[in-house]
Amino acid sequence: MKKTILLTALIILSIACGSQKSGMSQNDKNSEKSDDQEYRDRFQNAKELIGREKYSSAILNIDHMTALQLNNGDYTPQRYKAMILQVTGEKEEANIIYQSIINATDASASEKNKARQLMLINNEKKAPLLNEINRLKDSTEFKNAIKVIEVPPMFPGCETLPQEKWNKCMSRGVAKHIVRTIDVDIAQVTSNTGFIRSYVNYEIDTTGHISKIRATGKNKFLNLEAHRVMAQLPQVTPGYTNGEKTVVSYTIPIRFTVD
């Protein structure tokens, strides 16, 4: 049995842009400093182009950055390039980059983990995408669903709360997970667009695991990041109806924005 709930929490991710590296000697480091500035400028341009979905131009900027050989263990630009390739259908090329990050001896554990997570999503066999989110907005099924789900899925600790707080507790748990897990620097791609919202539809199955994640919205790159984050949702207590475990579908909007 499958029921549907709209998760009402709106996650707004805001960041303050950019940190600068410490200054270098003006006497013998001018060329290096110039290259370093170009590296930062190129990446900022790439992010802005991603926000406008000008993916080919964004990749050109990242490739110019690579040519400067100023990586210094930062594989974020390469991950961005792989994500662009992934959402534009170049899956094999994306996997090559993800694997290179995973194998890199100077890549951080966090960067390696993100590459693994994105690679898993890239290799998933996709079911046909249904227009589930639009269908749910005014559906009778949605309006009645909360009433018939006797016990909704719950994060650990929610079970001790009064019944009227169960759904809110689940929403709060998901919201905290998103804030802890998402790469907030990715919000910089919205610097020229105000904000961009992704809608994530997913199910909590009868084992309490998340499944059938579908992220839709204006920007495919941000949809992929939203998908990656939700795929890391920890196991929860499954929902029950009539004393039996039931699959419950959720929809949550995530708004990416920059201060």
Protein backbone atom coordinates (compact mmCIF):
# COMPACT_ATOMS: atom_id res chain seq x y z
CA MET A 1 0.00 0.00 0.00
CA LYS A 2 1.32 3.43 -0.93
CA LYS A 3 0.27 6.74 0.56
CA THR A 4 1.40 10.28 -0.09
CA ILE A 5 2.43 13.19 2.13
CA LEU A 6 3.65 16.62 1.11
CA LEU A 7 6.63 17.52 3.27
CA THR A 8 5.99 21.15 4.08
CA ALA A 9 9.47 22.22 5.16
CA LEU A 10 11.12 24.62 2.70
CA ILE A 11 14.89 24.43 2.89
CA ILE A 12 16.58 27.71 2.04
CA LEU A 13 20.32 27.53 1.57
CA SER A 14 22.17 30.84 1.78
CA ILE A 15 25.89 31.47 1.66
CA ALA A 16 28.26 34.38 1.71
CA CYS A 17 30.41 34.29 -1.40
CA GLY A 18 34.06 33.50 -1.67
CA SER A 19 37.11 33.46 0.54
CA GLN A 20 40.45 34.80 -0.65
CA LYS A 21 43.84 33.15 -0.34
CA SER A 22 46.56 34.95 1.58
CA GLY A 23 48.64 37.48 -0.36
CA MET A 24 51.99 36.56 -1.94
CA SER A 25 55.16 38.53 -2.44
CA GLN A 26 54.81 41.35 -4.95
CA ASN A 27 58.45 41.02 -6.03
CA ASP A 28 58.69 37.47 -7.36
CA LYS A 29 55.13 36.05 -7.24
CA ASN A 30 53.23 38.38 -9.57
CA SER A 31 52.68 35.83 -12.30
CA GLU A 32 51.59 33.17 -9.81
CA LYS A 33 49.20 35.60 -8.18
CA SER A 34 47.78 36.51 -11.57
CA ASP A 35 47.20 32.84 -12.35
CA ASP A 36 45.61 32.32 -8.94
CA GLN A 37 43.22 35.21 -9.53
CA GLU A 38 42.33 33.87 -12.96
CA TYR A 39 41.67 30.48 -11.39
CA ARG A 40 39.18 32.00 -8.94
CA ASP A 41 37.58 34.20 -11.58
CA ARG A 42 37.18 31.29 -13.96
CA PHE A 43 35.46 29.20 -11.31
CA GLN A 44 33.12 32.03 -10.35
CA ASN A 45 32.25 32.49 -14.03
CA ALA A 46 31.64 28.75 -14.34
CA LYS A 47 29.23 28.84 -11.40
CA GLU A 48 27.30 31.75 -12.86
CA LEU A 49 27.09 29.99 -16.23
CA ILE A 50 25.79 26.84 -14.51
CA GLY A 51 23.06 28.96 -12.90
CA ARG A 52 21.98 30.06 -16.37
CA GLU A 53 22.29 26.48 -17.67
CA LYS A 54 25.06 27.44 -20.09
CA TYR A 55 26.82 24.20 -19.39
CA SER A 56 29.21 24.09 -22.35
CA SER A 57 30.61 27.52 -21.50
CA ALA A 58 30.94 26.52 -17.84
CA ILE A 59 33.01 23.47 -18.84
CA LEU A 60 35.30 25.67 -20.96
CA ASN A 61 36.03 27.81 -17.90
CA ILE A 62 36.77 24.73 -15.80
CA ASP A 63 39.06 23.34 -18.50
CA HIS A 64 40.96 26.65 -18.52
CA MET A 65 41.33 26.32 -14.74
CA THR A 66 42.76 22.82 -15.14
CA ALA A 67 45.31 24.15 -17.64
CA LEU A 68 46.59 26.57 -14.99
CA GLN A 69 47.59 23.57 -12.83
CA LEU A 70 46.61 25.29 -9.58
CA ASN A 71 44.52 22.48 -8.19
CA ASN A 72 46.20 22.35 -4.74
CA GLY A 73 44.04 19.38 -3.78
CA ASP A 74 40.75 21.12 -4.60
CA TYR A 75 38.73 18.83 -6.83
CA THR A 76 35.50 20.81 -6.59
CA PRO A 77 35.74 22.24 -10.13
CA GLN A 78 36.28 18.76 -11.55
CA ARG A 79 33.27 17.48 -9.61
CA TYR A 80 31.19 20.33 -11.05
CA LYS A 81 32.32 19.37 -14.55
CA ALA A 82 31.37 15.74 -13.94
CA MET A 83 27.97 16.81 -12.63
CA ILE A 84 27.39 18.86 -15.79
CA LEU A 85 28.35 15.88 -17.93
CA GLN A 86 26.05 13.68 -15.87
CA VAL A 87 22.97 15.87 -16.27
CA THR A 88 23.63 16.40 -19.98
CA GLY A 89 23.78 12.68 -20.65
CA GLU A 90 27.56 12.18 -20.91
CA LYS A 91 27.53 9.52 -18.22
CA GLU A 92 30.68 7.62 -19.14
CA GLU A 93 32.75 10.81 -19.22
CA ALA A 94 31.28 11.82 -15.85
CA ASN A 95 32.23 8.45 -14.34
CA ILE A 96 35.82 8.84 -15.53
CA ILE A 97 36.12 12.14 -13.65
CA TYR A 98 34.40 10.79 -10.53
CA GLN A 99 36.77 7.82 -10.51
CA SER A 100 39.79 10.11 -10.91
CA ILE A 101 38.67 12.07 -7.84
CA ILE A 102 38.15 8.87 -5.86
CA ASN A 103 41.66 7.70 -6.83
CA ALA A 104 43.39 11.05 -6.23
CA THR A 105 45.81 10.87 -3.31
CA ASP A 106 45.40 14.57 -2.49
CA ALA A 107 41.60 14.70 -2.64
CA SER A 108 39.80 15.12 0.68
CA ALA A 109 37.66 12.35 2.16
CA SER A 110 34.61 14.59 1.76
CA GLU A 111 35.30 15.15 -1.93
CA LYS A 112 35.85 11.44 -2.50
CA ASN A 113 32.56 10.62 -0.77
CA LYS A 114 30.64 13.10 -2.91
CA ALA A 115 32.19 11.62 -6.04
CA ARG A 116 31.15 8.10 -4.94
CA GLN A 117 27.60 9.25 -4.16
CA LEU A 118 27.22 11.01 -7.51
CA MET A 119 28.68 8.04 -9.34
CA LEU A 120 26.10 5.74 -7.76
CA ILE A 121 23.30 8.05 -8.92
CA ASN A 122 24.89 8.20 -12.38
CA ASN A 123 24.84 4.41 -12.62
CA GLU A 124 21.26 3.97 -11.43
CA LYS A 125 18.76 2.52 -13.86
CA LYS A 126 16.09 5.17 -14.08
CA ALA A 127 12.41 4.29 -14.03
CA PRO A 128 10.20 6.37 -16.33
CA LEU A 129 9.77 9.82 -14.76
CA LEU A 130 6.14 10.45 -13.84
CA ASN A 131 4.75 13.94 -13.42
CA GLU A 132 4.12 13.06 -9.79
CA ILE A 133 4.74 16.47 -8.26
CA ASN A 134 2.27 18.34 -10.46
CA ARG A 135 -0.28 15.56 -10.07
CA LEU A 136 -0.07 15.76 -6.28
CA LYS A 137 -0.65 19.48 -5.91
CA ASP A 138 -4.45 19.38 -6.06
CA SER A 139 -5.13 15.67 -5.94
CA THR A 140 -7.81 14.14 -3.76
CA GLU A 141 -5.35 11.34 -3.00
CA PHE A 142 -2.96 13.83 -1.41
CA LYS A 143 -5.69 15.62 0.56
CA ASN A 144 -6.91 12.35 2.04
CA ALA A 145 -3.57 10.62 2.46
CA ILE A 146 -2.52 12.12 5.77
CA LYS A 147 -5.82 11.08 7.33
CA VAL A 148 -5.42 7.40 6.41
CA ILE A 149 -1.76 6.98 7.34
CA GLU A 150 -2.04 5.92 10.96
CA VAL A 151 1.67 6.15 11.79
CA PRO A 152 3.91 8.18 9.42
CA PRO A 153 7.60 7.43 8.90
CA MET A 154 9.61 8.82 11.79
CA PHE A 155 13.16 9.75 12.70
CA PRO A 156 14.40 8.12 15.92
CA GLY A 157 12.95 9.96 18.88
CA CYS A 158 9.77 11.13 17.13
CA GLU A 159 7.88 8.13 18.53
CA THR A 160 7.92 9.63 22.02
CA LEU A 161 6.07 12.78 20.89
CA PRO A 162 2.27 13.26 20.82
CA GLN A 163 0.65 11.97 17.65
CA GLU A 164 -0.16 15.45 16.33
CA LYS A 165 3.58 16.24 16.22
CA TRP A 166 4.73 13.15 14.30
CA ASN A 167 4.62 14.69 10.80
CA LYS A 168 6.30 17.90 11.96
CA CYS A 169 9.04 15.89 13.68
CA MET A 170 9.73 13.97 10.45
CA SER A 171 9.84 17.20 8.46
CA ARG A 172 12.28 18.70 10.93
CA GLY A 173 14.51 15.62 10.77
CA VAL A 174 14.65 15.76 6.96
CA ALA A 175 15.35 19.50 7.04
CA LYS A 176 18.27 19.06 9.47
CA HIS A 177 19.67 16.27 7.30
CA ILE A 178 19.60 18.51 4.22
CA VAL A 179 21.34 21.39 5.98
CA ARG A 180 24.06 19.05 7.32
CA THR A 181 24.63 17.22 4.04
CA ILE A 182 24.27 19.69 1.18
CA ASP A 183 27.27 21.39 -0.41
CA VAL A 184 26.37 25.01 0.35
CA ASP A 185 28.98 26.35 -2.08
CA ILE A 186 26.81 25.01 -4.90
CA ALA A 187 24.29 27.75 -4.10
CA GLN A 188 26.73 30.19 -5.72
CA VAL A 189 25.41 29.14 -9.12
CA THR A 190 22.33 31.23 -8.35
CA SER A 191 24.26 34.51 -7.97
CA ASN A 192 22.78 35.97 -11.18
CA THR A 193 19.36 34.34 -10.92
CA GLY A 194 18.12 35.24 -7.41
CA PHE A 195 17.15 31.75 -6.34
CA ILE A 196 16.39 28.40 -7.94
CA ARG A 197 14.10 25.80 -6.42
CA SER A 198 14.31 22.05 -6.81
CA TYR A 199 11.39 19.77 -5.94
CA VAL A 200 12.34 16.33 -4.66
CA ASN A 201 9.81 13.52 -4.72
CA TYR A 202 10.80 10.32 -2.95
CA GLU A 203 9.41 7.34 -1.07
CA ILE A 204 10.09 5.87 2.33
CA ASP A 205 9.68 2.15 1.76
CA THR A 206 8.52 -0.55 4.17
CA THR A 207 12.08 -0.99 5.50
CA GLY A 208 12.41 2.71 6.34
CA HIS A 209 14.88 3.42 3.51
CA ILE A 210 14.53 6.19 0.95
CA SER A 211 13.83 5.10 -2.62
CA LYS A 212 12.58 6.29 -6.02
CA ILE A 213 14.14 9.75 -5.67
CA ARG A 214 13.16 12.21 -8.40
CA ALA A 215 14.39 15.81 -8.36
CA THR A 216 12.83 18.29 -10.78
CA GLY A 217 13.22 22.01 -11.26
CA LYS A 218 14.63 24.69 -13.52
CA ASN A 219 18.31 23.74 -13.13
CA LYS A 220 19.39 20.14 -13.71
CA PHE A 221 22.72 20.69 -11.95
CA LEU A 222 20.99 21.76 -8.73
CA ASN A 223 18.48 18.95 -9.11
CA LEU A 224 21.40 16.50 -9.11
CA GLU A 225 22.80 17.98 -5.89
CA ALA A 226 19.34 17.76 -4.30
CA HIS A 227 19.14 14.11 -5.38
CA ARG A 228 22.60 13.37 -3.94
CA VAL A 229 21.68 14.87 -0.59
CA MET A 230 18.37 13.05 -0.27
CA ALA A 231 19.99 9.74 -1.25
CA GLN A 232 22.01 10.01 1.98
CA LEU A 233 18.90 10.18 4.18
CA PRO A 234 19.38 7.76 7.09
CA GLN A 235 17.04 4.85 7.68
CA VAL A 236 13.91 5.79 9.60
CA THR A 237 10.97 3.93 11.11
CA PRO A 238 8.55 3.05 8.26
CA GLY A 239 4.94 4.20 8.19
CA TYR A 240 1.98 2.02 9.13
CA THR A 241 -1.62 1.77 7.97
CA ASN A 242 -4.07 -0.73 9.42
CA GLY A 243 -1.22 -2.28 11.37
CA GLU A 244 0.85 -2.96 8.24
CA LYS A 245 3.98 -1.25 6.99
CA THR A 246 3.24 1.04 4.06
CA VAL A 247 5.19 2.96 1.43
CA VAL A 248 4.83 6.71 1.91
CA SER A 249 5.65 9.28 -0.78
CA TYR A 250 6.95 12.75 0.08
CA THR A 251 7.59 15.95 -1.86
CA ILE A 252 9.94 18.61 -0.52
CA PRO A 253 11.03 21.91 -2.11
CA ILE A 254 14.66 22.99 -1.67
CA ARG A 255 15.45 26.60 -2.51
CA PHE A 256 19.03 27.47 -3.43
CA THR A 257 19.96 31.13 -2.94
CA VAL A 258 22.98 33.37 -2.26
CA ASP A 259 23.28 36.24 0.22
